[in-house]
Amino acid sequence: MAARRPGRRASAILIAACGSAALVTFGSQQIVRGANTGTPQAAAQPSAKRSVLDGVYTDEQAKRGRTRYRSCILCHLDAGQGDPTTQVPALVGEAFVKQWSGHTLKELFEKISTTMPLDNPGELSQQEYVDLVSFILQLNKHPAGKEELRAPSEQLERIVIEKAPGN
C-alpha cells in the first residue's frame, strides 16, 4: 500500500459524531452550521469569528455607554457625526464603516481606550470603554443581543465590524 503524502488543505470539514452539525474551517476562521438549518451558529472554539451583526452587546450596556458618551459630545457631536473641519472622526455612518469595516472590536476598543478623551486618555475603566463601544455599535444600527461585551476579553478579538443593513 502506498504511503500518503502530506499536503496542504485549503479547508477541513469535521462532522460531529452525532451528525447534527458541521464545523467548517477556512484558514483560521471557523463557522458552525447546523445540519437541519444550514444557518451559521456560534462555534464553540475560541478562535471562531463573530460579527457585530450577531447582537454582541445589550441595550442596557449601550444605555450606559450613551451616558458616558456625554463627555464625547464636545468633539464628536450629538449623533457621533464628528467634525471634518476640526478633523474629529465620525463614529457613525459611512465614514465609520469605511474606516472600521473588517477590523475587530478589540482594535476599536484599543483605539478609544488609548486615545480618548484627548485630555486624559485611559481615564475610564475598561468596562466603561466597552460600554462606549456598545453605544457606537447601537449608533451604527448594529443589533443588540442578550449578552454584554466584557473587558478585558478575548471575545473582542473575535468580533468583526461590518456594515449594518440600512446603514
Protein backbone atom coordinates (compact mmCIF):
# COMPACT_ATOMS: atom_id res chain seq x y z
CA MET A 1 0.00 0.00 0.00
CA ALA A 2 1.37 3.42 -0.97
CA ALA A 3 2.04 5.91 1.80
CA ARG A 4 0.06 9.15 1.75
CA ARG A 5 2.00 12.32 1.20
CA PRO A 6 1.11 15.19 3.48
CA GLY A 7 -0.43 18.05 1.58
CA ARG A 8 -1.96 21.41 2.21
CA ARG A 9 -5.64 21.58 2.92
CA ALA A 10 -7.43 24.75 1.99
CA SER A 11 -10.37 23.72 4.13
CA ALA A 12 -11.33 20.95 6.51
CA ILE A 13 -14.73 19.68 7.47
CA LEU A 14 -15.31 17.95 10.75
CA ILE A 15 -18.67 16.29 11.13
CA ALA A 16 -19.73 15.71 14.70
CA ALA A 17 -20.15 12.08 15.72
CA CYS A 18 -23.90 12.51 16.06
CA GLY A 19 -24.08 14.06 12.59
CA SER A 20 -26.01 17.10 13.82
CA ALA A 21 -23.52 19.82 12.92
CA ALA A 22 -20.53 20.53 10.75
CA LEU A 23 -17.57 22.71 11.64
CA VAL A 24 -16.09 24.30 8.55
CA THR A 25 -12.63 25.83 8.77
CA PHE A 26 -11.30 28.23 6.17
CA GLY A 27 -7.83 29.35 7.19
CA SER A 28 -8.22 30.30 10.85
CA GLN A 29 -11.89 31.31 10.62
CA GLN A 30 -14.43 28.76 11.82
CA ILE A 31 -18.17 28.76 11.27
CA VAL A 32 -20.54 26.17 12.67
CA ARG A 33 -23.55 25.28 10.53
CA GLY A 34 -26.50 23.38 11.90
CA ALA A 35 -27.27 20.22 9.93
CA ASN A 36 -31.00 20.88 9.77
CA THR A 37 -30.99 24.62 9.04
CA GLY A 38 -27.66 25.26 7.32
CA THR A 39 -27.59 28.62 9.10
CA PRO A 40 -24.42 29.91 10.79
CA GLN A 41 -24.21 29.36 14.54
CA ALA A 42 -21.54 30.42 17.02
CA ALA A 43 -18.63 27.97 17.08
CA ALA A 44 -17.58 26.57 20.42
CA GLN A 45 -13.90 27.02 19.57
CA PRO A 46 -12.19 30.13 20.97
CA SER A 47 -10.80 31.09 17.53
CA ALA A 48 -14.26 31.33 15.93
CA LYS A 49 -15.06 34.72 14.39
CA ARG A 50 -18.32 36.52 15.02
CA SER A 51 -19.84 39.63 13.52
CA VAL A 52 -21.26 42.72 15.16
CA LEU A 53 -24.42 41.74 13.26
CA ASP A 54 -24.79 38.80 15.69
CA GLY A 55 -26.01 41.00 18.59
CA VAL A 56 -22.87 41.23 20.70
CA TYR A 57 -23.96 43.85 23.28
CA THR A 58 -27.14 44.59 25.24
CA ASP A 59 -29.46 47.60 25.11
CA GLU A 60 -28.71 48.24 28.80
CA GLN A 61 -24.97 48.31 28.06
CA ALA A 62 -25.47 50.76 25.18
CA LYS A 63 -27.56 52.91 27.54
CA ARG A 64 -24.62 53.07 29.97
CA GLY A 65 -22.36 53.90 27.01
CA ARG A 66 -24.71 56.71 25.95
CA THR A 67 -24.43 58.19 29.46
CA ARG A 68 -20.63 58.00 29.27
CA TYR A 69 -20.70 59.46 25.72
CA ARG A 70 -21.91 62.80 27.10
CA SER A 71 -18.28 63.76 27.65
CA CYS A 72 -17.52 62.92 23.97
CA ILE A 73 -20.22 65.21 22.54
CA LEU A 74 -17.99 68.30 22.55
CA CYS A 75 -15.80 66.84 19.81
CA HIS A 76 -17.80 64.02 18.18
CA LEU A 77 -21.14 65.92 18.35
CA ASP A 78 -24.59 64.69 19.36
CA ALA A 79 -25.10 61.90 16.85
CA GLY A 80 -21.43 60.86 16.58
CA GLN A 81 -21.08 62.53 13.18
CA GLY A 82 -17.70 64.08 14.04
CA ASP A 83 -16.44 67.34 12.59
CA PRO A 84 -14.33 67.22 9.43
CA THR A 85 -13.36 70.89 9.81
CA THR A 86 -11.52 70.06 13.03
CA GLN A 87 -10.53 66.53 11.88
CA VAL A 88 -12.66 64.82 14.52
CA PRO A 89 -13.60 61.41 13.09
CA ALA A 90 -17.18 60.29 12.74
CA LEU A 91 -18.32 57.44 14.97
CA VAL A 92 -21.34 56.69 12.82
CA GLY A 93 -22.32 56.20 9.21
CA GLU A 94 -20.33 55.66 6.04
CA ALA A 95 -17.14 57.28 7.37
CA PHE A 96 -17.12 54.94 10.37
CA VAL A 97 -17.87 51.89 8.22
CA LYS A 98 -15.14 52.81 5.75
CA GLN A 99 -12.53 53.11 8.49
CA TRP A 100 -13.53 50.16 10.69
CA SER A 101 -15.18 47.54 8.47
CA GLY A 102 -13.18 44.30 8.66
CA HIS A 103 -11.46 45.32 11.89
CA THR A 104 -12.18 43.73 15.26
CA LEU A 105 -13.89 45.25 18.25
CA LYS A 106 -10.60 44.85 20.09
CA GLU A 107 -8.96 47.24 17.63
CA LEU A 108 -11.74 49.79 18.10
CA PHE A 109 -11.64 49.33 21.89
CA GLU A 110 -7.85 49.82 21.96
CA LYS A 111 -8.04 52.94 19.77
CA ILE A 112 -10.66 54.53 22.00
CA SER A 113 -9.16 53.44 25.32
CA THR A 114 -5.64 54.62 24.47
CA THR A 115 -6.51 57.94 22.81
CA MET A 116 -9.73 59.19 24.44
CA PRO A 117 -10.53 61.52 25.97
CA LEU A 118 -7.89 63.71 24.37
CA ASP A 119 -7.10 65.50 27.62
CA ASN A 120 -6.74 62.27 29.64
CA PRO A 121 -6.53 59.07 27.55
CA GLY A 122 -7.30 55.93 29.51
CA GLU A 123 -9.13 57.70 32.35
CA LEU A 124 -12.17 55.42 32.12
CA SER A 125 -12.36 51.83 33.29
CA GLN A 126 -12.04 49.11 30.67
CA GLN A 127 -15.71 48.25 31.10
CA GLU A 128 -16.71 51.90 30.58
CA TYR A 129 -14.79 51.89 27.30
CA VAL A 130 -16.56 48.67 26.25
CA ASP A 131 -19.88 50.31 27.12
CA LEU A 132 -18.90 53.20 24.80
CA VAL A 133 -18.10 50.69 22.05
CA SER A 134 -21.57 49.22 22.59
CA PHE A 135 -23.15 52.65 22.20
CA ILE A 136 -21.17 53.22 18.99
CA LEU A 137 -22.50 49.89 17.67
CA GLN A 138 -26.02 51.00 18.54
CA LEU A 139 -25.48 54.37 16.78
CA ASN A 140 -24.47 52.37 13.70
CA LYS A 141 -27.68 50.30 13.83
CA HIS A 142 -25.98 47.04 14.83
CA PRO A 143 -28.48 44.83 16.66
CA ALA A 144 -28.39 44.31 20.41
CA GLY A 145 -28.25 40.82 21.84
CA LYS A 146 -28.71 39.08 25.17
CA GLU A 147 -25.14 39.12 26.50
CA GLU A 148 -22.92 42.07 27.30
CA LEU A 149 -19.48 42.64 25.92
CA ARG A 150 -16.87 42.21 28.63
CA ALA A 151 -13.44 43.74 29.04
CA PRO A 152 -10.74 42.82 29.03
CA SER A 153 -11.75 39.86 26.99
CA GLU A 154 -10.54 37.66 24.15
CA GLN A 155 -14.13 37.96 22.97
CA LEU A 156 -13.33 41.40 21.48
CA GLU A 157 -10.60 39.88 19.27
CA ARG A 158 -13.10 37.54 17.65
CA ILE A 159 -15.83 40.05 16.76
CA VAL A 160 -15.51 41.70 13.35
CA ILE A 161 -17.07 45.05 12.50
CA GLU A 162 -19.37 45.04 9.46
CA LYS A 163 -21.81 47.47 7.93
CA ALA A 164 -25.31 47.11 9.33
CA PRO A 165 -28.14 46.68 6.85
CA GLY A 166 -29.79 50.02 6.23
CA ASN A 167 -26.76 51.99 7.37
